[in-house]
């Protein structure tokens, strides 16, 4: 299933990006990223 493989590839890329950004920026950005994700989630739900 191409859709399933694409979704798994996207998830894997997001995980790798998160690990890479975590190593690059440290924990200082985590709060900003969490706030952004929270705003996006609330905006999507609303």
PDB file of N, CA and C in Angstrom:
ATOM      1  N   UNK A   1       0.844  -1.198   0.000  1.00  0.00           N
ATOM      2  CA  UNK A   1       0.000   0.000   0.000  1.00  0.00           C
ATOM      3  C   UNK A   1       0.880   1.249   0.000  1.00  0.00           C
ATOM      4  N   UNK A   2       0.845   1.991  -1.072  1.00  0.00           N
ATOM      5  CA  UNK A   2       1.697   3.201  -1.167  1.00  0.00           C
ATOM      6  C   UNK A   2       1.375   4.216  -0.081  1.00  0.00           C
ATOM      7  N   UNK A   3       0.094   4.344   0.255  1.00  0.00           N
ATOM      8  CA  UNK A   3      -0.288   5.340   1.262  1.00  0.00           C
ATOM      9  C   UNK A   3       0.322   4.982   2.615  1.00  0.00           C
ATOM     10  N   UNK A   4       0.287   3.698   2.958  1.00  0.00           N
ATOM     11  CA  UNK A   4       0.824   3.265   4.247  1.00  0.00           C
ATOM     12  C   UNK A   4       2.327   3.498   4.297  1.00  0.00           C
ATOM     13  N   UNK A   5       3.020   3.149   3.214  1.00  0.00           N
ATOM     14  CA  UNK A   5       4.472   3.344   3.193  1.00  0.00           C
ATOM     15  C   UNK A   5       4.814   4.823   3.244  1.00  0.00           C
ATOM     16  N   UNK A   6       4.016   5.653   2.573  1.00  0.00           N
ATOM     17  CA  UNK A   6       4.266   7.098   2.591  1.00  0.00           C
ATOM     18  C   UNK A   6       4.045   7.650   3.993  1.00  0.00           C
ATOM     19  N   UNK A   7       2.998   7.171   4.656  1.00  0.00           N
ATOM     20  CA  UNK A   7       2.715   7.653   6.008  1.00  0.00           C
ATOM     21  C   UNK A   7       3.829   7.239   6.962  1.00  0.00           C
ATOM     22  N   UNK A   8       4.283   5.989   6.849  1.00  0.00           N
ATOM     23  CA  UNK A   8       5.357   5.516   7.729  1.00  0.00           C
ATOM     24  C   UNK A   8       6.643   6.276   7.444  1.00  0.00           C
ATOM     25  N   UNK A   9       6.904   6.580   6.172  1.00  0.00           N
ATOM     26  CA  UNK A   9       8.101   7.345   5.820  1.00  0.00           C
ATOM     27  C   UNK A   9       8.017   8.751   6.394  1.00  0.00           C
ATOM     28  N   UNK A  10       6.820   9.343   6.342  1.00  0.00           N
ATOM     29  CA  UNK A  10       6.636  10.690   6.885  1.00  0.00           C
ATOM     30  C   UNK A  10       6.860  10.691   8.397  1.00  0.00           C
ATOM     31  N   UNK A  11       6.312   9.689   9.078  1.00  0.00           N
ATOM     32  CA  UNK A  11       6.506   9.586  10.528  1.00  0.00           C
ATOM     33  C   UNK A  11       7.980   9.413  10.850  1.00  0.00           C
ATOM     34  N   UNK A  12       8.661   8.557  10.101  1.00  0.00           N
ATOM     35  CA  UNK A  12      10.088   8.341  10.333  1.00  0.00           C
ATOM     36  C   UNK A  12      10.879   9.614  10.117  1.00  0.00           C
ATOM     37  N   UNK A  13      10.528  10.365   9.073  1.00  0.00           N
ATOM     38  CA  UNK A  13      11.224  11.627   8.791  1.00  0.00           C
ATOM     39  C   UNK A  13      10.988  12.626   9.919  1.00  0.00           C
ATOM     40  N   UNK A  14       9.765  12.670  10.440  1.00  0.00           N
ATOM     41  CA  UNK A  14       9.454  13.608  11.522  1.00  0.00           C
ATOM     42  C   UNK A  14      10.227  13.234  12.781  1.00  0.00           C
ATOM     43  N   UNK A  15      10.349  11.930  13.051  1.00  0.00           N
ATOM     44  CA  UNK A  15      11.108  11.479  14.222  1.00  0.00           C
ATOM     45  C   UNK A  15      12.571  11.851  14.070  1.00  0.00           C
ATOM     46  N   UNK A  16      13.130  11.585  12.886  1.00  0.00           N
ATOM     47  CA  UNK A  16      14.536  11.923  12.655  1.00  0.00           C
ATOM     48  C   UNK A  16      14.745  13.421  12.767  1.00  0.00           C
ATOM     49  N   UNK A  17      13.815  14.194  12.213  1.00  0.00           N
ATOM     50  CA  UNK A  17      13.929  15.654  12.289  1.00  0.00           C
ATOM     51  C   UNK A  17      13.855  16.118  13.741  1.00  0.00           C
ATOM     52  N   UNK A  18      12.983  15.502  14.517  1.00  0.00           N
ATOM     53  CA  UNK A  18      12.871  15.875  15.927  1.00  0.00           C
ATOM     54  C   UNK A  18      14.157  15.572  16.686  1.00  0.00           C
ATOM     55  N   UNK A  19      14.744  14.407  16.423  1.00  0.00           N
ATOM     56  CA  UNK A  19      16.002  14.046  17.087  1.00  0.00           C
ATOM     57  C   UNK A  19      17.109  14.993  16.660  1.00  0.00           C
ATOM     58  N   UNK A  20      17.166  15.287  15.357  1.00  0.00           N
ATOM     59  CA  UNK A  20      18.221  16.168  14.844  1.00  0.00           C
ATOM     60  C   UNK A  20      18.074  17.569  15.413  1.00  0.00           C
ATOM     61  N   UNK A  21      16.856  18.093  15.402  1.00  0.00           N
ATOM     62  CA  UNK A  21      16.630  19.445  15.925  1.00  0.00           C
ATOM     63  C   UNK A  21      16.881  19.466  17.429  1.00  0.00           C
ATOM     64  N   UNK A  22      16.543  18.372  18.120  1.00  0.00           N
ATOM     65  CA  UNK A  22      16.787  18.307  19.556  1.00  0.00           C
ATOM     66  C   UNK A  22      18.278  18.367  19.855  1.00  0.00           C
ATOM     67  N   UNK A  23      19.075  17.662  19.054  1.00  0.00           N
ATOM     68  CA  UNK A  23      20.518  17.691  19.258  1.00  0.00           C
ATOM     69  C   UNK A  23      21.093  19.040  18.879  1.00  0.00           C
ATOM     70  N   UNK A  24      20.503  19.669  17.859  1.00  0.00           N
ATOM     71  CA  UNK A  24      21.062  20.916  17.346  1.00  0.00           C
ATOM     72  C   UNK A  24      20.746  22.086  18.269  1.00  0.00           C
ATOM     73  N   UNK A  25      19.503  22.165  18.723  1.00  0.00           N
ATOM     74  CA  UNK A  25      19.069  23.346  19.472  1.00  0.00           C
ATOM     75  C   UNK A  25      19.023  23.099  20.978  1.00  0.00           C
ATOM     76  N   UNK A  26      19.044  21.843  21.389  1.00  0.00           N
ATOM     77  CA  UNK A  26      18.958  21.574  22.822  1.00  0.00           C
ATOM     78  C   UNK A  26      17.519  21.674  23.309  1.00  0.00           C
ATOM     79  N   UNK A  27      17.360  21.863  24.627  1.00  0.00           N
ATOM     80  CA  UNK A  27      16.011  21.848  25.191  1.00  0.00           C
ATOM     81  C   UNK A  27      15.398  23.234  25.252  1.00  0.00           C
ATOM     82  N   UNK A  28      16.149  24.274  24.858  1.00  0.00           N
ATOM     83  CA  UNK A  28      15.600  25.628  24.967  1.00  0.00           C
ATOM     84  C   UNK A  28      14.426  25.830  24.028  1.00  0.00           C
ATOM     85  N   UNK A  29      14.466  25.143  22.884  1.00  0.00           N
ATOM     86  CA  UNK A  29      13.407  25.335  21.889  1.00  0.00           C
ATOM     87  C   UNK A  29      12.193  24.466  22.160  1.00  0.00           C
ATOM     88  N   UNK A  30      12.335  23.484  23.036  1.00  0.00           N
ATOM     89  CA  UNK A  30      11.239  22.541  23.243  1.00  0.00           C
ATOM     90  C   UNK A  30       9.974  23.258  23.702  1.00  0.00           C
ATOM     91  N   UNK A  31      10.128  24.228  24.595  1.00  0.00           N
ATOM     92  CA  UNK A  31       8.948  24.941  25.098  1.00  0.00           C
ATOM     93  C   UNK A  31       8.254  25.696  23.968  1.00  0.00           C
ATOM     94  N   UNK A  32       9.050  26.338  23.096  1.00  0.00           N
ATOM     95  CA  UNK A  32       8.468  27.081  21.979  1.00  0.00           C
ATOM     96  C   UNK A  32       7.775  26.120  21.014  1.00  0.00           C
ATOM     97  N   UNK A  33       8.418  24.979  20.744  1.00  0.00           N
ATOM     98  CA  UNK A  33       7.821  24.010  19.832  1.00  0.00           C
ATOM     99  C   UNK A  33       6.538  23.437  20.419  1.00  0.00           C
ATOM    100  N   UNK A  34       6.537  23.161  21.719  1.00  0.00           N
ATOM    101  CA  UNK A  34       5.328  22.640  22.358  1.00  0.00           C
ATOM    102  C   UNK A  34       4.202  23.670  22.302  1.00  0.00           C
ATOM    103  N   UNK A  35       4.545  24.941  22.520  1.00  0.00           N
ATOM    104  CA  UNK A  35       3.532  25.993  22.472  1.00  0.00           C
ATOM    105  C   UNK A  35       2.967  26.114  21.061  1.00  0.00           C
ATOM    106  N   UNK A  36       3.855  26.007  20.059  1.00  0.00           N
ATOM    107  CA  UNK A  36       3.396  26.101  18.674  1.00  0.00           C
ATOM    108  C   UNK A  36       2.490  24.927  18.334  1.00  0.00           C
ATOM    109  N   UNK A  37       2.890  23.733  18.746  1.00  0.00           N
ATOM    110  CA  UNK A  37       2.073  22.550  18.477  1.00  0.00           C
ATOM    111  C   UNK A  37       0.722  22.667  19.176  1.00  0.00           C
ATOM    112  N   UNK A  38       0.720  23.199  20.391  1.00  0.00           N
ATOM    113  CA  UNK A  38      -0.532  23.355  21.130  1.00  0.00           C
ATOM    114  C   UNK A  38      -1.446  24.348  20.419  1.00  0.00           C
ATOM    115  N   UNK A  39      -0.884  25.456  19.936  1.00  0.00           N
ATOM    116  CA  UNK A  39      -1.695  26.454  19.239  1.00  0.00           C
ATOM    117  C   UNK A  39      -2.249  25.871  17.945  1.00  0.00           C
ATOM    118  N   UNK A  40      -1.418  25.087  17.234  1.00  0.00           N
ATOM    119  CA  UNK A  40      -1.889  24.477  15.995  1.00  0.00           C
ATOM    120  C   UNK A  40      -3.001  23.475  16.293  1.00  0.00           C
ATOM    121  N   UNK A  41      -2.853  22.721  17.377  1.00  0.00           N
ATOM    122  CA  UNK A  41      -3.852  21.711  17.715  1.00  0.00           C
ATOM    123  C   UNK A  41      -5.173  22.373  18.080  1.00  0.00           C
ATOM    124  N   UNK A  42      -5.111  23.435  18.882  1.00  0.00           N
ATOM    125  CA  UNK A  42      -6.339  24.117  19.292  1.00  0.00           C
ATOM    126  C   UNK A  42      -6.974  24.809  18.088  1.00  0.00           C
ATOM    127  N   UNK A  43      -6.148  25.345  17.211  1.00  0.00           N
ATOM    128  CA  UNK A  43      -6.679  26.019  16.024  1.00  0.00           C
ATOM    129  C   UNK A  43      -7.374  25.008  15.126  1.00  0.00           C
ATOM    130  N   UNK A  44      -6.803  23.830  15.004  1.00  0.00           N
ATOM    131  CA  UNK A  44      -7.401  22.805  14.158  1.00  0.00           C
ATOM    132  C   UNK A  44      -8.712  22.311  14.772  1.00  0.00           C
ATOM    133  N   UNK A  45      -8.729  22.142  16.102  1.00  0.00           N
ATOM    134  CA  UNK A  45      -9.945  21.665  16.758  1.00  0.00           C
ATOM    135  C   UNK A  45     -11.043  22.720  16.696  1.00  0.00           C
ATOM    136  N   UNK A  46     -10.660  23.987  16.804  1.00  0.00           N
ATOM    137  CA  UNK A  46     -11.640  25.062  16.780  1.00  0.00           C
ATOM    138  C   UNK A  46     -12.116  25.322  15.383  1.00  0.00           C
TER     139      UNK A  46
END
